[in-house]
Amino acid sequence: MAKIEKLELAAHRNDIIEDVSNLIEKYRTIFGWDVPDIDEKLAKNLIVDEVRQALDNINNE
């Protein structure tokens, strides 16, 4: 990656992290609505795994 792209990415890194965290929280909340006695840590891990898979799929397109 060229230096300018790395600098631009670094400038947005915190925004990306915040957006992904919000996405994980969105789906964790939905899980909580659908499953009353949910194991929140397990649900979060499952969601993170799905997001990783989705990112891999996007990266491979």
C-alpha atoms as a PDB file:
ATOM      1  CA  MET A   1       0.000   0.000   0.000  1.00  0.00           C
ATOM      2  CA  ALA A   2       1.352   3.408  -0.891  1.00  0.00           C
ATOM      3  CA  LYS A   3       2.219   5.842   1.861  1.00  0.00           C
ATOM      4  CA  ILE A   4      -0.677   8.217   1.108  1.00  0.00           C
ATOM      5  CA  GLU A   5      -3.226   5.386   1.385  1.00  0.00           C
ATOM      6  CA  LYS A   6      -1.751   4.329   4.727  1.00  0.00           C
ATOM      7  CA  LEU A   7      -1.978   7.884   6.022  1.00  0.00           C
ATOM      8  CA  GLU A   8      -5.574   8.214   4.854  1.00  0.00           C
ATOM      9  CA  LEU A   9      -6.510   4.900   6.440  1.00  0.00           C
ATOM     10  CA  ALA A  10      -4.836   5.902   9.705  1.00  0.00           C
ATOM     11  CA  ALA A  11      -6.889   9.097   9.733  1.00  0.00           C
ATOM     12  CA  HIS A  12     -10.105   7.028   9.610  1.00  0.00           C
ATOM     13  CA  ARG A  13      -9.050   4.068  11.765  1.00  0.00           C
ATOM     14  CA  ASN A  14     -10.962   5.174  14.879  1.00  0.00           C
ATOM     15  CA  ASP A  15     -14.110   5.785  12.824  1.00  0.00           C
ATOM     16  CA  ILE A  16     -13.878   2.312  11.308  1.00  0.00           C
ATOM     17  CA  ILE A  17     -13.429   0.729  14.735  1.00  0.00           C
ATOM     18  CA  GLU A  18     -16.396   2.663  16.107  1.00  0.00           C
ATOM     19  CA  ASP A  19     -18.598   1.723  13.128  1.00  0.00           C
ATOM     20  CA  VAL A  20     -17.753  -1.980  13.447  1.00  0.00           C
ATOM     21  CA  SER A  21     -18.347  -1.887  17.210  1.00  0.00           C
ATOM     22  CA  ASN A  22     -21.738  -0.286  16.614  1.00  0.00           C
ATOM     23  CA  LEU A  23     -22.573  -2.952  14.041  1.00  0.00           C
ATOM     24  CA  ILE A  24     -21.682  -5.739  16.502  1.00  0.00           C
ATOM     25  CA  GLU A  25     -23.779  -4.055  19.212  1.00  0.00           C
ATOM     26  CA  LYS A  26     -26.716  -3.676  16.808  1.00  0.00           C
ATOM     27  CA  TYR A  27     -26.844  -7.410  16.128  1.00  0.00           C
ATOM     28  CA  ARG A  28     -26.117  -8.342  19.750  1.00  0.00           C
ATOM     29  CA  THR A  29     -29.168  -6.299  20.714  1.00  0.00           C
ATOM     30  CA  ILE A  30     -31.281  -8.049  18.074  1.00  0.00           C
ATOM     31  CA  PHE A  31     -30.123 -11.428  19.419  1.00  0.00           C
ATOM     32  CA  GLY A  32     -31.191 -10.275  22.902  1.00  0.00           C
ATOM     33  CA  TRP A  33     -34.672  -9.414  21.640  1.00  0.00           C
ATOM     34  CA  ASP A  34     -35.071 -12.796  19.957  1.00  0.00           C
ATOM     35  CA  VAL A  35     -33.512 -14.958  22.684  1.00  0.00           C
ATOM     36  CA  PRO A  36     -34.507 -13.860  26.210  1.00  0.00           C
ATOM     37  CA  ASP A  37     -31.866 -15.812  28.187  1.00  0.00           C
ATOM     38  CA  ILE A  38     -29.036 -15.282  25.746  1.00  0.00           C
ATOM     39  CA  ASP A  39     -25.377 -15.756  26.614  1.00  0.00           C
ATOM     40  CA  GLU A  40     -24.270 -12.277  25.540  1.00  0.00           C
ATOM     41  CA  LYS A  41     -20.558 -13.146  25.335  1.00  0.00           C
ATOM     42  CA  LEU A  42     -21.288 -16.147  23.112  1.00  0.00           C
ATOM     43  CA  ALA A  43     -23.678 -14.097  20.967  1.00  0.00           C
ATOM     44  CA  LYS A  44     -21.054 -11.381  20.547  1.00  0.00           C
ATOM     45  CA  ASN A  45     -18.419 -13.944  19.541  1.00  0.00           C
ATOM     46  CA  LEU A  46     -20.774 -15.520  17.014  1.00  0.00           C
ATOM     47  CA  ILE A  47     -21.575 -12.129  15.511  1.00  0.00           C
ATOM     48  CA  VAL A  48     -17.896 -11.178  15.319  1.00  0.00           C
ATOM     49  CA  ASP A  49     -17.204 -14.476  13.531  1.00  0.00           C
ATOM     50  CA  GLU A  50     -19.962 -13.701  11.000  1.00  0.00           C
ATOM     51  CA  VAL A  51     -18.607 -10.214  10.412  1.00  0.00           C
ATOM     52  CA  ARG A  52     -15.137 -11.700   9.836  1.00  0.00           C
ATOM     53  CA  GLN A  53     -16.598 -14.146   7.332  1.00  0.00           C
ATOM     54  CA  ALA A  54     -18.466 -11.337   5.576  1.00  0.00           C
ATOM     55  CA  LEU A  55     -15.254  -9.292   5.391  1.00  0.00           C
ATOM     56  CA  ASP A  56     -13.382 -12.273   3.963  1.00  0.00           C
ATOM     57  CA  ASN A  57     -16.114 -12.724   1.336  1.00  0.00           C
ATOM     58  CA  ILE A  58     -15.965  -9.030   0.420  1.00  0.00           C
ATOM     59  CA  ASN A  59     -12.175  -9.143   0.281  1.00  0.00           C
ATOM     60  CA  ASN A  60     -12.274 -12.145  -2.061  1.00  0.00           C
ATOM     61  CA  GLU A  61     -14.726 -10.571  -4.519  1.00  0.00           C
END
